[in-house]
Amino acid sequence: MFSKRMLVIGSADIMILLLSVLMGMLSATSGEAGFSQATLNHSSEWTMFLLVLIGCLISMGLYNPDYMFDMQEAVMRLITGFLITFVAVSLLLGFVKTAPVLRQALPPALALSFAGLLAVRYAASSTILAQYLKRRVLVLGAGVRARRIEEEIRKKHGHCGFIPVAYVPASPDERGVSVVHIIDNPQDLNGFCEYARVDEIVLAADERRGTMPIDVLLECRMSGRKITTVTDFIEREAGQVELEGLYPSWLVFSVPTTRNIVERGIKRLFDIVISLAFLLLTFPLLLVTAICILLDDGAPVFYRQTRTGLRGKPFDVLKFRSMKKDAEKDGVARWAAQDDDRITRVGRFIRKTRIDELPQIFNVLAGSMSFVGPRPERPSIVADLESQIPFFRYRHVVKPGITGWAQVNYPYGASVEDAREKLKYDLYYIKNESLVLDLLILMETVRVVFWPSGAR
């Protein structure tokens, strides 16, 4: 179904990768006559490099049309993919006796490949080519649930991986979207899809019982069109799980609650390696921050606070103190507000840059947190949110994290509605948890730290 997109982008990528390898070898041999022979001698190593890189690009979703038209997303995924490739190839080459020419050729080959692949995706996001490459979607429904698709298009300012060809009301009462298309004969849905070159049909009727023409949908499916529920469509496009219309059975059958011992071991090793690396890199910053807090408001530098962790068990989280010593003298837990007068001068800066969260590296090393996961909340706040938000307690099936999918996709929130929106992202993370997603979140966290928005 997506062959034309994969053909165009994939062919361009392969040509750029091959050209980058040749240019890298040419620079390493300084244009000498031995260029051809040197390239042939190391063809097996370059084949390994290309296979690893292409594998990383595929695993990072860079051939998924959902990410072809969002340059920010493409850049972050390319950087992550190239970092993985560089580490993997370096480790593999470390086990074999490698000629100096290959080591000299690898950096320019990587640099040229990155620039070329980025240029391809920039070209793919241009107006004319984007219209050719985007999936053509027919939305079967024109009510409240279909409106959610319109909202997603507006939120992304049209930079989506799809074009809504038509919204077809499943019943006469559905009028929740701005434009609808009436098909006089519902049995001719497949014919309309052929005419409009529809790639995918999204089932978004407000009432599905008795309104879904199953035999017609089966005909469309047999014609090669993808059939998707609006819940799955929004999950894929927005990176969040819709709570409206979500049934407990979805959590039971669609979302894993446990990982096997190998997955848990890999995740734990990842947490330890990343935490130790961050601790070494940020130690001077930790020291300077501690001194600034002492000079600004005196001791203590750190602040311990009880939070709800894995499976609802409480633990003490460690943070740099950013509020005055008597900030909660009444013992009542409150969310931080805009221009909160309890926050110190240094505290305002370290909260905005999220430096106050860095001591939680020690929580990760101790095993009470992961580096990536839903942010932990205080037990009293958790109890309040669980009583108001369905499925809120389900976010505790994984360890809480220093950063998370919700943190890089949604600004700081201090209300029940904000918590509801963040839960949608948390459920998406829990369902799709993987090392690749963790690496993406870490890369996005770097962006958020340097271009902060909404931190309090």
Protein backbone atom coordinates (compact mmCIF):
# COMPACT_ATOMS: atom_id res chain seq x y z
CA MET A 1 0.00 0.00 0.00
CA PHE A 2 2.86 2.35 0.77
CA SER A 3 5.07 1.08 -2.07
CA LYS A 4 5.30 4.40 -3.89
CA ARG A 5 6.50 6.18 -0.75
CA MET A 6 9.00 3.50 0.16
CA LEU A 7 10.19 3.28 -3.45
CA VAL A 8 10.88 7.01 -3.76
CA ILE A 9 12.44 7.56 -0.32
CA GLY A 10 14.21 4.18 -0.18
CA SER A 11 15.75 4.51 -3.65
CA ALA A 12 17.02 8.01 -2.88
CA ASP A 13 18.47 6.83 0.45
CA ILE A 14 20.33 3.90 -1.12
CA MET A 15 21.87 6.12 -3.80
CA ILE A 16 22.97 8.65 -1.18
CA LEU A 17 24.46 5.96 1.09
CA LEU A 18 26.44 4.39 -1.76
CA LEU A 19 27.66 7.80 -2.91
CA SER A 20 28.64 8.70 0.67
CA VAL A 21 30.68 5.50 1.02
CA LEU A 22 32.50 6.21 -2.24
CA MET A 23 33.17 9.83 -1.23
CA GLY A 24 34.43 8.65 2.16
CA MET A 25 36.85 6.22 0.54
CA LEU A 26 37.93 8.86 -1.95
CA SER A 27 38.76 11.30 0.85
CA ALA A 28 40.64 8.60 2.80
CA THR A 29 42.76 7.59 -0.21
CA SER A 30 43.31 11.22 -1.23
CA GLY A 31 42.18 10.44 -4.74
CA GLU A 32 45.01 7.98 -5.32
CA ALA A 33 44.91 5.34 -8.02
CA GLY A 34 44.37 2.71 -5.30
CA PHE A 35 40.87 4.04 -4.60
CA SER A 36 39.10 1.31 -6.59
CA GLN A 37 41.19 -1.49 -5.14
CA ALA A 38 40.82 -0.18 -1.57
CA THR A 39 37.05 0.04 -1.98
CA LEU A 40 36.88 -3.53 -3.28
CA ASN A 41 39.15 -4.80 -0.50
CA HIS A 42 36.79 -3.39 2.14
CA SER A 43 33.50 -4.17 0.41
CA SER A 44 32.46 -6.60 3.18
CA GLU A 45 32.99 -3.96 5.90
CA TRP A 46 31.03 -1.37 3.94
CA THR A 47 28.25 -3.88 3.33
CA MET A 48 28.07 -4.41 7.09
CA PHE A 49 27.98 -0.63 7.63
CA LEU A 50 25.13 -0.18 5.14
CA LEU A 51 23.12 -3.07 6.58
CA VAL A 52 23.48 -1.77 10.15
CA LEU A 53 22.57 1.78 9.10
CA ILE A 54 19.56 0.74 7.01
CA GLY A 55 18.42 -1.53 9.85
CA CYS A 56 18.63 1.41 12.27
CA LEU A 57 16.73 3.68 9.88
CA ILE A 58 13.95 1.11 9.56
CA SER A 59 13.79 0.48 13.32
CA MET A 60 13.64 4.23 13.97
CA GLY A 61 10.56 4.46 11.74
CA LEU A 62 12.16 6.68 9.11
CA TYR A 63 10.33 4.85 6.32
CA ASN A 64 7.04 5.28 8.10
CA PRO A 65 5.02 7.96 6.25
CA ASP A 66 3.97 9.39 9.63
CA TYR A 67 7.50 10.78 10.10
CA MET A 68 8.32 11.79 6.53
CA PHE A 69 6.74 15.22 6.80
CA ASP A 70 7.76 16.33 10.29
CA MET A 71 11.33 17.64 10.03
CA GLN A 72 11.80 17.93 13.79
CA GLU A 73 10.80 14.29 14.22
CA ALA A 74 12.98 13.22 11.28
CA VAL A 75 16.05 15.03 12.66
CA MET A 76 15.72 13.46 16.11
CA ARG A 77 15.22 9.98 14.66
CA LEU A 78 18.13 10.40 12.23
CA ILE A 79 20.47 11.53 15.01
CA THR A 80 19.46 8.58 17.18
CA GLY A 81 19.82 6.13 14.29
CA PHE A 82 23.27 7.42 13.36
CA LEU A 83 24.46 7.32 16.97
CA ILE A 84 23.39 3.68 17.23
CA THR A 85 25.08 2.92 13.89
CA PHE A 86 28.31 4.63 14.91
CA VAL A 87 28.49 2.73 18.20
CA ALA A 88 27.54 -0.61 16.61
CA VAL A 89 29.98 -0.31 13.70
CA SER A 90 32.77 0.90 15.98
CA LEU A 91 32.25 -2.11 18.25
CA LEU A 92 32.16 -4.52 15.32
CA LEU A 93 35.28 -3.03 13.75
CA GLY A 94 36.99 -3.23 17.12
CA PHE A 95 36.85 -7.03 16.94
CA VAL A 96 38.55 -7.20 13.53
CA LYS A 97 41.87 -5.93 12.29
CA THR A 98 40.82 -2.86 10.34
CA ALA A 99 42.98 -0.96 7.88
CA PRO A 100 43.60 2.73 8.70
CA VAL A 101 41.97 3.77 5.43
CA LEU A 102 38.64 2.36 6.62
CA ARG A 103 38.80 4.22 9.92
CA GLN A 104 39.58 7.42 8.05
CA ALA A 105 36.73 6.91 5.59
CA LEU A 106 34.01 6.16 8.16
CA PRO A 107 33.53 9.69 9.68
CA PRO A 108 33.10 11.51 6.33
CA ALA A 109 30.86 8.69 5.07
CA LEU A 110 28.63 9.07 8.15
CA ALA A 111 28.55 12.87 7.85
CA LEU A 112 27.67 12.81 4.15
CA SER A 113 25.05 10.11 4.71
CA PHE A 114 23.39 12.12 7.48
CA ALA A 115 23.32 15.32 5.40
CA GLY A 116 22.01 13.47 2.36
CA LEU A 117 19.25 11.59 4.18
CA LEU A 118 18.18 14.79 5.90
CA ALA A 119 18.03 16.56 2.52
CA VAL A 120 15.85 13.76 1.13
CA ARG A 121 13.37 14.16 3.97
CA TYR A 122 13.36 17.93 3.58
CA ALA A 123 12.54 17.46 -0.09
CA ALA A 124 9.86 14.91 0.81
CA SER A 125 8.19 17.48 3.06
CA SER A 126 7.90 20.00 0.22
CA THR A 127 4.36 20.74 -0.90
CA ILE A 128 4.24 18.95 -4.26
CA LEU A 129 6.14 15.82 -3.28
CA ALA A 130 4.40 15.60 0.08
CA GLN A 131 0.99 15.50 -1.59
CA TYR A 132 2.20 12.62 -3.74
CA LEU A 133 3.69 10.66 -0.84
CA LYS A 134 1.05 11.14 1.87
CA ARG A 135 -1.47 8.40 2.62
CA ARG A 136 -4.95 9.17 1.33
CA VAL A 137 -7.43 8.48 4.12
CA LEU A 138 -11.21 8.12 4.06
CA VAL A 139 -12.82 8.66 7.46
CA LEU A 140 -15.99 6.63 7.91
CA GLY A 141 -17.73 8.88 10.41
CA ALA A 142 -18.33 12.61 10.74
CA GLY A 143 -19.19 13.09 14.39
CA VAL A 144 -17.32 13.66 17.64
CA ARG A 145 -14.78 10.88 17.12
CA ALA A 146 -14.03 11.99 13.55
CA ARG A 147 -13.52 15.55 14.80
CA ARG A 148 -10.51 14.27 16.74
CA ILE A 149 -8.76 13.63 13.41
CA GLU A 150 -9.46 17.21 12.31
CA GLU A 151 -8.00 18.45 15.59
CA GLU A 152 -4.82 16.43 15.04
CA ILE A 153 -4.39 18.00 11.58
CA ARG A 154 -4.80 21.50 13.05
CA LYS A 155 -2.39 20.74 15.89
CA LYS A 156 0.31 19.68 13.43
CA HIS A 157 -0.48 22.59 11.10
CA GLY A 158 -1.10 20.14 8.28
CA HIS A 159 2.30 18.42 8.65
CA CYS A 160 0.77 14.96 8.91
CA GLY A 161 1.53 11.77 7.07
CA PHE A 162 -1.99 11.62 5.61
CA ILE A 163 -4.59 13.55 3.62
CA PRO A 164 -8.28 13.20 4.61
CA VAL A 165 -9.93 12.55 1.26
CA ALA A 166 -13.44 12.59 2.75
CA TYR A 167 -15.44 12.32 5.96
CA VAL A 168 -18.39 10.04 5.29
CA PRO A 169 -21.15 10.21 7.95
CA ALA A 170 -22.19 6.78 9.20
CA SER A 171 -25.61 8.17 10.18
CA PRO A 172 -27.60 11.32 9.26
CA ASP A 173 -27.01 12.80 12.73
CA GLU A 174 -23.22 12.94 12.42
CA ARG A 175 -22.13 16.51 11.70
CA GLY A 176 -19.09 17.08 13.91
CA VAL A 177 -16.56 17.94 11.19
CA SER A 178 -16.34 20.93 8.89
CA VAL A 179 -16.68 19.09 5.57
CA VAL A 180 -18.54 15.86 4.84
CA HIS A 181 -18.99 13.78 1.71
CA ILE A 182 -22.25 11.93 1.23
CA ILE A 183 -22.10 8.63 -0.64
CA ASP A 184 -25.58 7.97 -2.02
CA ASN A 185 -25.05 4.22 -2.19
CA PRO A 186 -22.98 2.93 0.78
CA GLN A 187 -22.52 -0.35 -1.10
CA ASP A 188 -20.39 1.60 -3.59
CA LEU A 189 -17.83 2.60 -0.94
CA ASN A 190 -15.11 0.54 -2.59
CA GLY A 191 -15.86 2.15 -5.94
CA PHE A 192 -15.47 5.61 -4.40
CA CYS A 193 -12.19 4.50 -2.81
CA GLU A 194 -10.94 3.37 -6.21
CA TYR A 195 -11.92 6.71 -7.75
CA ALA A 196 -10.36 8.79 -4.93
CA ARG A 197 -7.24 6.55 -4.69
CA VAL A 198 -7.87 5.89 -0.98
CA ASP A 199 -5.09 4.03 0.86
CA GLU A 200 -6.73 3.66 4.26
CA ILE A 201 -10.21 3.70 5.79
CA VAL A 202 -10.56 4.91 9.39
CA LEU A 203 -13.61 3.70 11.34
CA ALA A 204 -14.67 6.75 13.36
CA ALA A 205 -18.44 6.44 13.71
CA ASP A 206 -19.82 7.62 17.06
CA GLU A 207 -22.09 4.55 17.14
CA ARG A 208 -20.59 1.50 15.43
CA ARG A 209 -23.35 -1.01 16.07
CA GLY A 210 -25.53 -1.29 13.00
CA THR A 211 -23.68 1.49 11.13
CA MET A 212 -20.58 -0.36 9.91
CA PRO A 213 -21.19 -2.04 6.50
CA ILE A 214 -19.05 -5.11 7.26
CA ASP A 215 -19.48 -6.72 3.84
CA VAL A 216 -18.47 -3.47 2.12
CA LEU A 217 -15.49 -3.01 4.44
CA LEU A 218 -14.40 -6.58 3.71
CA GLU A 219 -14.55 -5.80 0.00
CA CYS A 220 -12.36 -2.72 0.58
CA ARG A 221 -9.95 -4.81 2.63
CA MET A 222 -9.72 -7.43 -0.11
CA SER A 223 -8.88 -4.62 -2.55
CA GLY A 224 -5.73 -3.89 -0.55
CA ARG A 225 -6.90 -1.00 1.61
CA LYS A 226 -5.96 -0.79 5.26
CA ILE A 227 -8.87 -0.66 7.73
CA THR A 228 -8.07 1.10 11.02
CA THR A 229 -10.12 2.04 14.08
CA VAL A 230 -9.98 5.70 15.09
CA THR A 231 -8.35 4.67 18.40
CA ASP A 232 -5.46 2.96 16.62
CA PHE A 233 -5.25 5.78 14.07
CA ILE A 234 -4.92 8.49 16.74
CA GLU A 235 -2.42 6.36 18.65
CA ARG A 236 -0.25 6.12 15.56
CA GLU A 237 -0.60 9.73 14.45
CA ALA A 238 -0.54 11.53 17.81
CA GLY A 239 1.59 9.16 19.88
CA GLN A 240 -1.10 8.89 22.56
CA VAL A 241 -3.94 6.59 23.57
CA GLU A 242 -7.40 8.13 23.53
CA LEU A 243 -9.21 7.67 26.85
CA GLU A 244 -12.64 8.41 25.41
CA GLY A 245 -14.26 5.14 24.43
CA LEU A 246 -11.40 3.10 25.90
CA TYR A 247 -12.50 -0.17 27.47
CA PRO A 248 -10.72 -2.09 30.24
CA SER A 249 -10.43 -5.01 27.82
CA TRP A 250 -8.04 -2.90 25.70
CA LEU A 251 -5.69 -2.65 28.67
CA VAL A 252 -6.01 -6.37 29.36
CA PHE A 253 -5.31 -7.59 25.83
CA SER A 254 -3.33 -4.79 24.12
CA VAL A 255 -0.89 -3.60 26.77
CA PRO A 256 1.79 -5.79 28.39
CA THR A 257 1.97 -5.58 32.19
CA THR A 258 5.15 -7.60 32.62
CA ARG A 259 8.40 -8.07 30.71
CA ASN A 260 10.42 -11.25 30.52
CA ILE A 261 13.70 -11.56 32.41
CA VAL A 262 15.80 -10.72 29.33
CA GLU A 263 13.85 -7.52 28.59
CA ARG A 264 14.03 -6.48 32.25
CA GLY A 265 17.76 -7.18 32.32
CA ILE A 266 18.42 -5.13 29.18
CA LYS A 267 16.31 -2.25 30.50
CA ARG A 268 18.17 -2.32 33.82
CA LEU A 269 21.56 -2.37 32.08
CA PHE A 270 20.44 0.55 29.91
CA ASP A 271 19.40 2.51 33.01
CA ILE A 272 22.73 1.90 34.77
CA VAL A 273 24.89 2.76 31.74
CA ILE A 274 22.95 5.94 30.89
CA SER A 275 22.82 7.04 34.55
CA LEU A 276 26.56 6.58 35.10
CA ALA A 277 27.31 8.43 31.86
CA PHE A 278 25.02 11.32 32.87
CA LEU A 279 26.51 11.39 36.35
CA LEU A 280 30.03 11.76 34.94
CA LEU A 281 28.95 14.39 32.43
CA THR A 282 26.88 16.46 34.85
CA PHE A 283 28.96 16.17 38.02
CA PRO A 284 30.41 19.72 37.66
CA LEU A 285 26.87 21.04 37.09
CA LEU A 286 25.61 19.18 40.17
CA LEU A 287 28.38 20.74 42.26
CA VAL A 288 27.76 24.29 40.97
CA THR A 289 23.99 23.93 41.51
CA ALA A 290 24.50 22.76 45.09
CA ILE A 291 26.74 25.76 45.84
CA CYS A 292 24.21 28.19 44.29
CA ILE A 293 21.38 26.76 46.41
CA LEU A 294 23.50 27.11 49.57
CA LEU A 295 24.37 30.73 48.76
CA ASP A 296 20.80 31.64 47.81
CA ASP A 297 18.72 30.00 50.56
CA GLY A 298 21.07 27.94 52.70
CA ALA A 299 20.87 24.24 53.52
CA PRO A 300 19.49 21.72 52.79
CA VAL A 301 20.55 21.37 49.16
CA PHE A 302 18.53 18.24 48.45
CA TYR A 303 14.86 17.57 48.98
CA ARG A 304 13.34 14.15 49.63
CA GLN A 305 9.72 13.59 48.81
CA THR A 306 7.54 10.48 48.87
CA ARG A 307 6.25 9.49 45.45
CA THR A 308 4.24 6.57 44.08
CA GLY A 309 6.38 4.08 42.18
CA LEU A 310 6.15 0.69 40.49
CA ARG A 311 2.86 -1.13 41.26
CA GLY A 312 1.80 1.73 43.53
CA LYS A 313 4.60 1.26 46.08
CA PRO A 314 5.88 4.49 47.71
CA PHE A 315 9.53 5.54 47.52
CA ASP A 316 11.57 8.67 48.29
CA VAL A 317 12.57 10.72 45.26
CA LEU A 318 15.67 12.93 45.45
CA LYS A 319 15.67 16.43 43.95
CA PHE A 320 17.54 19.69 44.27
CA ARG A 321 15.53 21.93 46.57
CA SER A 322 13.87 24.61 44.45
CA MET A 323 11.32 25.94 46.96
CA LYS A 324 11.63 27.77 50.24
CA LYS A 325 12.16 25.66 53.35
CA ASP A 326 8.61 26.21 54.64
CA ALA A 327 6.92 25.80 51.23
CA GLU A 328 4.52 23.17 52.58
CA LYS A 329 4.46 23.95 56.27
CA ASP A 330 0.75 23.06 56.39
CA GLY A 331 1.58 19.57 55.10
CA VAL A 332 -0.79 19.86 52.12
CA ALA A 333 0.56 18.74 48.72
CA ARG A 334 -0.03 21.30 45.96
CA TRP A 335 0.98 21.59 42.33
CA ALA A 336 3.41 24.38 41.50
CA ALA A 337 1.64 27.34 39.91
CA GLN A 338 2.77 29.99 37.44
CA ASP A 339 4.81 32.65 39.34
CA ASP A 340 4.61 30.52 42.50
CA ASP A 341 6.05 32.65 45.34
CA ARG A 342 7.30 29.53 47.12
CA ILE A 343 10.02 29.03 44.47
CA THR A 344 13.47 30.51 45.19
CA ARG A 345 15.51 32.52 42.68
CA VAL A 346 17.85 29.61 41.95
CA GLY A 347 14.87 27.27 42.06
CA ARG A 348 13.11 29.11 39.25
CA PHE A 349 16.11 28.60 36.98
CA ILE A 350 16.78 24.95 37.83
CA ARG A 351 13.08 24.08 37.42
CA LYS A 352 12.90 25.80 34.04
CA THR A 353 16.01 23.94 32.82
CA ARG A 354 14.99 20.76 34.72
CA ILE A 355 18.33 20.67 36.53
CA ASP A 356 16.38 20.06 39.76
CA GLU A 357 15.61 16.54 38.48
CA LEU A 358 19.27 15.50 38.03
CA PRO A 359 19.75 13.99 41.54
CA GLN A 360 17.17 11.39 40.56
CA ILE A 361 20.05 9.67 38.78
CA PHE A 362 20.75 8.16 42.22
CA ASN A 363 17.16 6.86 42.34
CA VAL A 364 17.76 5.15 38.99
CA LEU A 365 21.01 3.59 40.19
CA ALA A 366 19.21 2.39 43.34
CA GLY A 367 16.51 0.75 41.18
CA SER A 368 13.44 2.66 42.38
CA MET A 369 13.22 4.55 39.06
CA SER A 370 14.13 4.10 35.40
CA PHE A 371 15.74 6.79 33.32
CA VAL A 372 12.69 6.83 31.03
CA GLY A 373 9.15 6.30 32.25
CA PRO A 374 6.03 8.14 33.50
CA ARG A 375 6.85 10.86 36.01
CA PRO A 376 6.10 9.86 39.63
CA GLU A 377 3.46 11.80 41.56
CA ARG A 378 2.84 12.23 45.29
CA PRO A 379 0.50 9.64 46.88
CA SER A 380 -2.11 12.22 47.87
CA ILE A 381 -2.21 13.63 44.34
CA VAL A 382 -2.31 10.12 42.87
CA ALA A 383 -5.32 9.23 45.04
CA ASP A 384 -7.11 12.38 43.89
CA LEU A 385 -6.34 11.77 40.20
CA GLU A 386 -7.31 8.09 40.36
CA SER A 387 -10.75 9.12 41.60
CA GLN A 388 -11.22 11.52 38.67
CA ILE A 389 -9.36 9.97 35.72
CA PRO A 390 -10.15 6.46 34.43
CA PHE A 391 -7.15 4.11 34.14
CA PHE A 392 -4.80 6.56 35.89
CA ARG A 393 -3.46 3.87 38.22
CA TYR A 394 -2.41 1.81 35.20
CA ARG A 395 0.61 4.09 34.67
CA HIS A 396 2.20 2.38 37.69
CA VAL A 397 2.74 -0.93 35.84
CA VAL A 398 6.21 0.37 34.86
CA LYS A 399 8.87 2.14 36.90
CA PRO A 400 8.60 5.93 36.98
CA GLY A 401 11.27 7.87 35.10
CA ILE A 402 13.34 11.05 35.17
CA THR A 403 11.98 11.88 31.73
CA GLY A 404 9.17 10.38 29.70
CA TRP A 405 7.06 10.41 26.55
CA ALA A 406 4.56 12.78 28.16
CA GLN A 407 7.31 15.19 29.23
CA VAL A 408 8.68 15.62 25.71
CA ASN A 409 5.25 15.91 24.08
CA TYR A 410 3.23 17.99 26.54
CA PRO A 411 4.11 21.16 28.46
CA TYR A 412 4.21 21.37 32.22
CA GLY A 413 0.74 20.86 33.67
CA ALA A 414 -0.81 21.66 37.04
CA SER A 415 -4.41 20.53 36.71
CA VAL A 416 -6.54 17.42 36.45
CA GLU A 417 -7.06 18.07 32.74
CA ASP A 418 -3.29 18.29 32.20
CA ALA A 419 -2.87 14.99 34.07
CA ARG A 420 -5.53 13.45 31.82
CA GLU A 421 -3.68 14.56 28.68
CA LYS A 422 -0.35 13.27 30.01
CA LEU A 423 -1.92 9.92 30.84
CA LYS A 424 -2.69 9.48 27.13
CA TYR A 425 1.03 9.75 26.38
CA ASP A 426 1.98 7.55 29.35
CA LEU A 427 -0.31 4.76 28.14
CA TYR A 428 1.23 5.02 24.68
CA TYR A 429 4.69 4.62 26.21
CA ILE A 430 3.63 1.65 28.34
CA LYS A 431 2.16 -0.10 25.30
CA ASN A 432 5.14 0.61 23.03
CA GLU A 433 7.99 0.53 25.56
CA SER A 434 11.32 -0.34 23.91
CA LEU A 435 14.97 0.72 23.93
CA VAL A 436 14.47 2.48 20.60
CA LEU A 437 11.63 4.55 22.06
CA ASP A 438 13.73 5.24 25.18
CA LEU A 439 16.59 6.54 23.01
CA LEU A 440 14.16 8.76 21.09
CA ILE A 441 12.82 10.18 24.35
CA LEU A 442 16.36 10.91 25.56
CA MET A 443 17.10 12.79 22.32
CA GLU A 444 13.84 14.72 22.62
CA THR A 445 14.67 15.50 26.25
CA VAL A 446 17.89 17.19 25.13
CA ARG A 447 15.80 19.37 22.81
CA VAL A 448 13.33 20.21 25.59
CA VAL A 449 16.15 21.15 27.99
CA PHE A 450 17.77 23.51 25.49
CA TRP A 451 14.44 24.87 24.22
CA PRO A 452 12.29 24.63 27.37
CA SER A 453 8.58 25.31 27.26
CA GLY A 454 6.28 25.54 30.20
CA ALA A 455 8.52 24.29 33.01
CA ARG A 456 7.69 25.64 36.46
